[in-house]
Protein backbone atom coordinates (compact mmCIF):
# COMPACT_ATOMS: atom_id res chain seq x y z
CA MET A 1 84.26 113.73 70.42
CA SER A 2 84.28 110.75 68.07
CA ARG A 3 85.85 107.41 68.99
CA ARG A 4 88.76 108.06 66.66
CA GLU A 5 89.37 111.53 68.11
CA ARG A 6 89.12 110.12 71.61
CA ARG A 7 91.65 107.37 70.82
CA ILE A 8 94.10 109.92 69.36
CA TYR A 9 93.62 112.17 72.40
CA ASP A 10 94.16 109.24 74.77
CA GLN A 11 97.35 108.18 72.97
CA ALA A 12 98.75 111.71 73.04
CA SER A 13 97.74 112.09 76.67
CA ALA A 14 99.37 108.78 77.61
CA LYS A 15 102.63 109.81 75.93
CA SER A 16 102.72 113.05 77.91
CA ARG A 17 102.32 111.24 81.24
CA LYS A 18 105.47 110.87 83.28
CA GLU A 19 106.54 107.45 84.48
CA ILE A 20 106.44 106.86 88.24
CA PRO A 21 109.92 105.95 89.49
CA SER A 22 110.73 103.09 91.83
CA PHE A 23 111.27 103.95 95.47
CA ALA A 24 113.58 102.34 98.01
CA ASN A 25 111.18 103.05 100.89
CA GLU A 26 108.04 104.95 101.90
CA ASP A 27 109.97 107.99 103.11
CA GLN A 28 111.56 108.40 99.69
CA GLU A 29 108.16 108.06 98.02
CA ARG A 30 106.61 110.57 100.44
CA ARG A 31 109.30 113.14 99.65
CA PHE A 32 108.80 112.56 95.92
CA TRP A 33 105.02 113.08 95.98
CA ALA A 34 105.35 116.13 98.23
CA LYS A 35 107.17 117.89 95.37
CA GLN A 36 105.26 116.48 92.37
CA ASP A 37 101.89 117.12 90.76
CA ALA A 38 100.01 113.84 90.49
CA ALA A 39 98.24 115.13 87.36
CA ASP A 40 101.56 114.71 85.53
CA TYR A 41 101.52 110.99 86.31
CA PHE A 42 97.86 109.93 86.22
CA ASP A 43 95.01 110.35 83.76
CA TRP A 44 92.19 111.41 86.07
CA GLU A 45 89.60 111.13 83.26
CA LYS A 46 90.17 107.37 83.24
CA SER A 47 90.00 107.04 87.00
CA CYS A 48 87.00 105.61 88.74
CA ALA A 49 85.49 106.18 92.14
CA ALA A 50 86.87 103.99 94.87
CA GLY A 51 84.48 101.34 96.05
CA SER A 52 83.73 100.81 99.68
CA ALA A 53 85.84 97.76 100.33
CA LYS A 54 84.83 95.55 103.19
CA LEU A 55 87.94 95.92 105.28
CA GLU A 56 86.70 93.56 107.94
CA ALA A 57 85.13 90.94 105.68
CA ASP A 58 86.51 88.05 107.76
CA ASN A 59 85.06 89.29 111.04
CA HIS A 60 82.04 87.76 112.66
CA ALA A 61 79.95 89.61 115.22
CA ILE A 62 79.31 87.81 118.50
CA SER A 63 77.70 88.58 121.83
CA ILE A 64 79.61 87.97 125.01
CA ARG A 65 78.53 88.50 128.59
CA LEU A 66 81.16 90.05 130.83
CA PRO A 67 81.02 91.11 134.43
CA VAL A 68 80.44 94.87 134.67
CA ALA A 69 83.68 95.39 136.60
CA MET A 70 85.70 93.56 133.93
CA LEU A 71 84.15 95.62 131.15
CA GLU A 72 84.81 98.86 133.04
CA ASP A 73 88.45 97.85 133.59
CA LEU A 74 88.80 97.03 129.91
CA LYS A 75 87.30 100.37 128.90
CA SER A 76 89.61 102.19 131.32
CA LEU A 77 92.70 100.44 129.91
CA ALA A 78 91.56 101.16 126.36
CA ASN A 79 90.98 104.81 127.22
CA LYS A 80 94.53 105.12 128.57
CA ARG A 81 95.86 103.70 125.27
CA ASP A 82 93.43 105.84 123.25
CA VAL A 83 91.99 102.82 121.42
CA PRO A 84 88.46 101.41 121.23
CA TYR A 85 87.84 98.86 123.98
CA GLN A 86 86.72 96.20 121.50
CA SER A 87 90.01 96.56 119.61
CA LEU A 88 91.93 96.17 122.85
CA MET A 89 89.86 93.09 123.71
CA LYS A 90 90.72 91.56 120.31
CA LEU A 91 94.39 92.31 120.90
CA TYR A 92 94.32 90.63 124.31
CA LEU A 93 92.53 87.59 122.90
CA SER A 94 94.98 87.36 120.01
CA GLU A 95 97.98 87.52 122.34
CA ARG A 96 96.56 84.82 124.60
CA ILE A 97 95.69 82.55 121.67
CA GLY A 98 99.24 82.98 120.38
CA ARG A 99 100.69 81.96 123.76
CA GLU A 100 98.42 78.89 123.91
CA ARG A 101 99.49 77.86 120.40
CA MET A 102 103.14 78.20 121.39
CA LYS A 103 102.53 75.94 124.40
CA LYS A 104 100.98 73.26 122.19
CA ALA A 105 103.86 73.46 119.69
CA SER A 106 106.44 72.87 122.47
């Protein structure tokens, strides 16, 4: 297909695409997409593969020595909540840091 033919095709294709409406909330959007064909709204030929974003770019790996009993307790608590123990440890640290900051602000 020549450039000119491609441009004409793209313009015609763009005109036939439906406009995505605005949604009041996620539930409304979910209901909308459950009944619609995304091909009517997006030009998949112009799409690109999603890159592997670094979701935890601000994290820094550290080593920490903990007593075995403390680590086992942490793992047990995490298991009961069905979360990874390191995530639970970060949550606990975050909560404690927040309390300490509140003390300083008072």
